[in-house]
Structures are given as C-alpha cells and as structure tokens.
Amino acid sequence: MLENEAKKVIADEKLKHVNWFDEKHLKENQVGIKGEGKNWYVYVTDERASVVTGSVKKFDSQEKALDNFIKRAMTEKKLFKK
C-alpha cells in the first residue's frame, strides 16, 4: 500500500486511534507507524499509552509496513468502537 492509499483508508474509515509517523504524542490504544533510516516500524500502545512489548514489527519496505499498519488500525476500530 502506498501512503496516499493509506491516508484515504484512514479518512474513509474514520480511523481515530492512529499515530501517523509519530505526528503526535503517544496516546492510549493507538496503532502507530514510524520510519527510521531504511526501516519502518508498526506498533500498538496500551491503556497507559506505552508501546506494548512484543507489538513492534520491523519492515524493510514502507508498503509492507503500511499494509500492516492499516490492518491493525482496522482491528483497533472494531475493538474500540465509540
């Protein structure tokens, strides 16, 4: 998935529990994505806004990371419907 496609899914699905490339401080029950060098990381936070141990997945391509990010964000949406 490309960045513009991921942004469209976020908007269309009204995904609220996301942290797009660390654009904001960590909050509770978020799915986040960030890039460091040639690697991308996807993670989730808990009810205390801490990154959940074992939730961080490392990817060598942004497209794969974005796929995982959106998949996790859709799961969060189902779990935390508000």
N, C-alpha and C. Protein backbone atom coordinates (compact mmCIF):
# COMPACT_ATOMS: atom_id res chain seq x y z
N MET A 1 0.85 -1.18 0.00
CA MET A 1 0.00 0.00 0.00
C MET A 1 0.89 1.24 0.00
N LEU A 2 0.45 2.23 -0.71
CA LEU A 2 1.18 3.49 -0.78
C LEU A 2 0.62 4.47 0.25
N GLU A 3 1.40 5.51 0.55
CA GLU A 3 0.99 6.50 1.56
C GLU A 3 -0.37 7.10 1.26
N ASN A 4 -0.58 7.52 0.01
CA ASN A 4 -1.85 8.17 -0.32
C ASN A 4 -3.02 7.20 -0.17
N GLU A 5 -2.80 5.92 -0.45
CA GLU A 5 -3.85 4.92 -0.27
C GLU A 5 -4.16 4.73 1.21
N ALA A 6 -3.12 4.68 2.03
CA ALA A 6 -3.31 4.51 3.47
C ALA A 6 -4.05 5.71 4.05
N LYS A 7 -3.69 6.91 3.64
CA LYS A 7 -4.37 8.12 4.12
C LYS A 7 -5.84 8.10 3.74
N LYS A 8 -6.14 7.62 2.56
CA LYS A 8 -7.53 7.53 2.10
C LYS A 8 -8.32 6.55 2.98
N VAL A 9 -7.74 5.40 3.28
CA VAL A 9 -8.40 4.43 4.15
C VAL A 9 -8.64 5.03 5.53
N ILE A 10 -7.64 5.72 6.06
CA ILE A 10 -7.78 6.36 7.37
C ILE A 10 -8.95 7.34 7.37
N ALA A 11 -9.04 8.15 6.34
CA ALA A 11 -10.12 9.13 6.23
C ALA A 11 -11.47 8.45 5.99
N ASP A 12 -11.52 7.55 5.03
CA ASP A 12 -12.78 6.90 4.67
C ASP A 12 -13.35 6.07 5.81
N GLU A 13 -12.48 5.39 6.55
CA GLU A 13 -12.91 4.52 7.65
C GLU A 13 -12.99 5.26 8.98
N LYS A 14 -12.61 6.54 8.96
CA LYS A 14 -12.62 7.38 10.17
C LYS A 14 -11.83 6.72 11.30
N LEU A 15 -10.61 6.31 10.96
CA LEU A 15 -9.74 5.66 11.95
C LEU A 15 -9.16 6.74 12.86
N LYS A 16 -9.50 6.65 14.14
CA LYS A 16 -9.11 7.69 15.10
C LYS A 16 -7.93 7.29 15.97
N HIS A 17 -7.70 6.01 16.12
CA HIS A 17 -6.65 5.52 17.03
C HIS A 17 -5.37 5.22 16.25
N VAL A 18 -4.90 6.21 15.51
CA VAL A 18 -3.68 6.03 14.72
C VAL A 18 -2.68 7.14 15.02
N ASN A 19 -1.42 6.81 14.88
CA ASN A 19 -0.35 7.79 15.02
C ASN A 19 0.50 7.68 13.75
N TRP A 20 0.26 8.58 12.83
CA TRP A 20 0.87 8.59 11.51
C TRP A 20 2.29 9.15 11.59
N PHE A 21 3.26 8.29 11.50
CA PHE A 21 4.68 8.67 11.51
C PHE A 21 5.03 9.62 12.66
N ASP A 22 4.53 9.24 13.85
CA ASP A 22 4.80 9.99 15.08
C ASP A 22 4.42 11.46 14.99
N GLU A 23 3.30 11.75 14.33
CA GLU A 23 2.87 13.14 14.19
C GLU A 23 2.32 13.72 15.49
N LYS A 24 2.05 12.85 16.46
CA LYS A 24 1.55 13.33 17.75
C LYS A 24 2.14 12.45 18.85
N HIS A 25 1.97 12.88 20.08
CA HIS A 25 2.45 12.10 21.23
C HIS A 25 1.66 10.80 21.32
N LEU A 26 2.28 9.80 21.91
CA LEU A 26 1.60 8.53 22.10
C LEU A 26 0.38 8.72 22.98
N LYS A 27 -0.71 8.08 22.59
CA LYS A 27 -1.94 8.07 23.36
C LYS A 27 -2.34 6.62 23.57
N GLU A 28 -3.31 6.41 24.44
CA GLU A 28 -3.73 5.06 24.72
C GLU A 28 -4.41 4.41 23.52
N ASN A 29 -4.18 3.10 23.40
CA ASN A 29 -4.82 2.27 22.39
C ASN A 29 -4.67 2.78 20.96
N GLN A 30 -3.47 3.12 20.60
CA GLN A 30 -3.16 3.59 19.24
C GLN A 30 -2.42 2.51 18.47
N VAL A 31 -2.51 2.64 17.17
CA VAL A 31 -1.63 1.92 16.26
C VAL A 31 -0.74 2.98 15.64
N GLY A 32 0.56 2.77 15.68
CA GLY A 32 1.48 3.76 15.15
C GLY A 32 2.40 3.18 14.10
N ILE A 33 2.92 4.08 13.29
CA ILE A 33 3.91 3.72 12.29
C ILE A 33 4.98 4.79 12.31
N LYS A 34 6.22 4.36 12.14
CA LYS A 34 7.31 5.33 12.06
C LYS A 34 8.41 4.76 11.20
N GLY A 35 9.20 5.64 10.65
CA GLY A 35 10.34 5.23 9.84
C GLY A 35 11.63 5.67 10.49
N GLU A 36 12.62 4.81 10.41
CA GLU A 36 13.96 5.12 10.91
C GLU A 36 14.96 4.58 9.91
N GLY A 37 15.62 5.46 9.22
CA GLY A 37 16.56 5.04 8.19
C GLY A 37 15.84 4.29 7.09
N LYS A 38 16.28 3.09 6.82
CA LYS A 38 15.67 2.28 5.76
C LYS A 38 14.64 1.30 6.30
N ASN A 39 14.28 1.45 7.57
CA ASN A 39 13.32 0.54 8.19
C ASN A 39 12.08 1.29 8.63
N TRP A 40 10.98 0.55 8.70
CA TRP A 40 9.70 1.08 9.16
C TRP A 40 9.21 0.17 10.27
N TYR A 41 8.55 0.77 11.25
CA TYR A 41 8.08 0.04 12.42
C TYR A 41 6.60 0.33 12.63
N VAL A 42 5.86 -0.72 12.97
CA VAL A 42 4.45 -0.60 13.32
C VAL A 42 4.30 -1.13 14.74
N TYR A 43 3.53 -0.43 15.56
CA TYR A 43 3.39 -0.79 16.97
C TYR A 43 2.00 -0.45 17.47
N VAL A 44 1.67 -0.95 18.64
CA VAL A 44 0.43 -0.57 19.30
C VAL A 44 0.75 -0.09 20.71
N THR A 45 -0.12 0.75 21.24
CA THR A 45 0.04 1.22 22.61
C THR A 45 -1.08 0.64 23.47
N ASP A 46 -0.82 0.61 24.77
CA ASP A 46 -1.80 0.07 25.71
C ASP A 46 -2.62 1.20 26.34
N GLU A 47 -3.39 0.83 27.37
CA GLU A 47 -4.26 1.80 28.04
C GLU A 47 -3.48 2.87 28.80
N ARG A 48 -2.18 2.71 28.93
CA ARG A 48 -1.33 3.72 29.58
C ARG A 48 -0.47 4.48 28.58
N ALA A 49 -0.76 4.31 27.32
CA ALA A 49 -0.05 4.98 26.22
C ALA A 49 1.41 4.55 26.11
N SER A 50 1.68 3.32 26.54
CA SER A 50 3.03 2.76 26.39
C SER A 50 3.02 1.76 25.24
N VAL A 51 4.12 1.70 24.51
CA VAL A 51 4.21 0.73 23.43
C VAL A 51 4.19 -0.67 24.04
N VAL A 52 3.31 -1.51 23.53
CA VAL A 52 3.14 -2.86 24.05
C VAL A 52 4.36 -3.71 23.68
N THR A 53 4.95 -4.33 24.69
CA THR A 53 6.09 -5.21 24.47
C THR A 53 5.68 -6.33 23.51
N GLY A 54 6.49 -6.54 22.51
CA GLY A 54 6.20 -7.58 21.52
C GLY A 54 5.31 -7.14 20.38
N SER A 55 4.79 -5.91 20.43
CA SER A 55 3.89 -5.44 19.37
C SER A 55 4.64 -4.80 18.21
N VAL A 56 5.90 -4.47 18.42
CA VAL A 56 6.66 -3.75 17.38
C VAL A 56 7.08 -4.73 16.29
N LYS A 57 6.70 -4.40 15.07
CA LYS A 57 7.12 -5.20 13.92
C LYS A 57 7.96 -4.32 13.02
N LYS A 58 9.06 -4.86 12.56
CA LYS A 58 10.01 -4.14 11.70
C LYS A 58 9.81 -4.59 10.27
N PHE A 59 9.84 -3.62 9.35
CA PHE A 59 9.67 -3.90 7.93
C PHE A 59 10.78 -3.24 7.14
N ASP A 60 11.13 -3.86 6.03
CA ASP A 60 12.17 -3.29 5.17
C ASP A 60 11.58 -2.52 3.99
N SER A 61 10.26 -2.46 3.93
CA SER A 61 9.62 -1.64 2.89
C SER A 61 8.44 -0.88 3.50
N GLN A 62 8.27 0.33 3.07
CA GLN A 62 7.19 1.15 3.58
C GLN A 62 5.83 0.56 3.20
N GLU A 63 5.74 -0.01 2.02
CA GLU A 63 4.48 -0.58 1.56
C GLU A 63 4.01 -1.70 2.49
N LYS A 64 4.91 -2.59 2.87
CA LYS A 64 4.56 -3.69 3.77
C LYS A 64 4.17 -3.14 5.15
N ALA A 65 4.89 -2.15 5.61
CA ALA A 65 4.58 -1.54 6.91
C ALA A 65 3.21 -0.89 6.88
N LEU A 66 2.89 -0.19 5.80
CA LEU A 66 1.58 0.46 5.69
C LEU A 66 0.46 -0.57 5.64
N ASP A 67 0.68 -1.68 4.96
CA ASP A 67 -0.32 -2.76 4.94
C ASP A 67 -0.62 -3.23 6.36
N ASN A 68 0.42 -3.49 7.12
CA ASN A 68 0.28 -3.96 8.49
C ASN A 68 -0.37 -2.90 9.38
N PHE A 69 0.05 -1.66 9.20
CA PHE A 69 -0.49 -0.53 9.96
C PHE A 69 -2.01 -0.42 9.77
N ILE A 70 -2.45 -0.45 8.53
CA ILE A 70 -3.89 -0.32 8.23
C ILE A 70 -4.65 -1.54 8.77
N LYS A 71 -4.09 -2.71 8.61
CA LYS A 71 -4.74 -3.92 9.12
C LYS A 71 -4.94 -3.81 10.64
N ARG A 72 -3.91 -3.38 11.35
CA ARG A 72 -4.01 -3.23 12.80
C ARG A 72 -4.98 -2.11 13.18
N ALA A 73 -4.95 -1.02 12.45
CA ALA A 73 -5.84 0.10 12.74
C ALA A 73 -7.31 -0.30 12.56
N MET A 74 -7.59 -1.11 11.56
CA MET A 74 -8.96 -1.59 11.34
C MET A 74 -9.39 -2.49 12.50
N THR A 75 -8.47 -3.29 13.02
CA THR A 75 -8.77 -4.13 14.17
C THR A 75 -9.05 -3.27 15.40
N GLU A 76 -8.23 -2.23 15.60
CA GLU A 76 -8.45 -1.30 16.73
C GLU A 76 -9.82 -0.64 16.62
N LYS A 77 -10.22 -0.30 15.42
CA LYS A 77 -11.52 0.35 15.22
C LYS A 77 -12.64 -0.58 15.71
N LYS A 78 -12.52 -1.85 15.38
CA LYS A 78 -13.55 -2.82 15.80
C LYS A 78 -13.55 -2.99 17.32
N LEU A 79 -12.36 -2.99 17.92
CA LEU A 79 -12.25 -3.20 19.36
C LEU A 79 -12.72 -2.00 20.18
N PHE A 80 -12.48 -0.80 19.66
CA PHE A 80 -12.76 0.42 20.43
C PHE A 80 -13.78 1.31 19.75
N LYS A 81 -14.87 0.71 19.30
CA LYS A 81 -15.93 1.49 18.67
C LYS A 81 -16.46 2.51 19.66
N LYS A 82 -16.51 3.76 19.19
CA LYS A 82 -17.02 4.85 20.04
C LYS A 82 -17.90 5.74 19.22
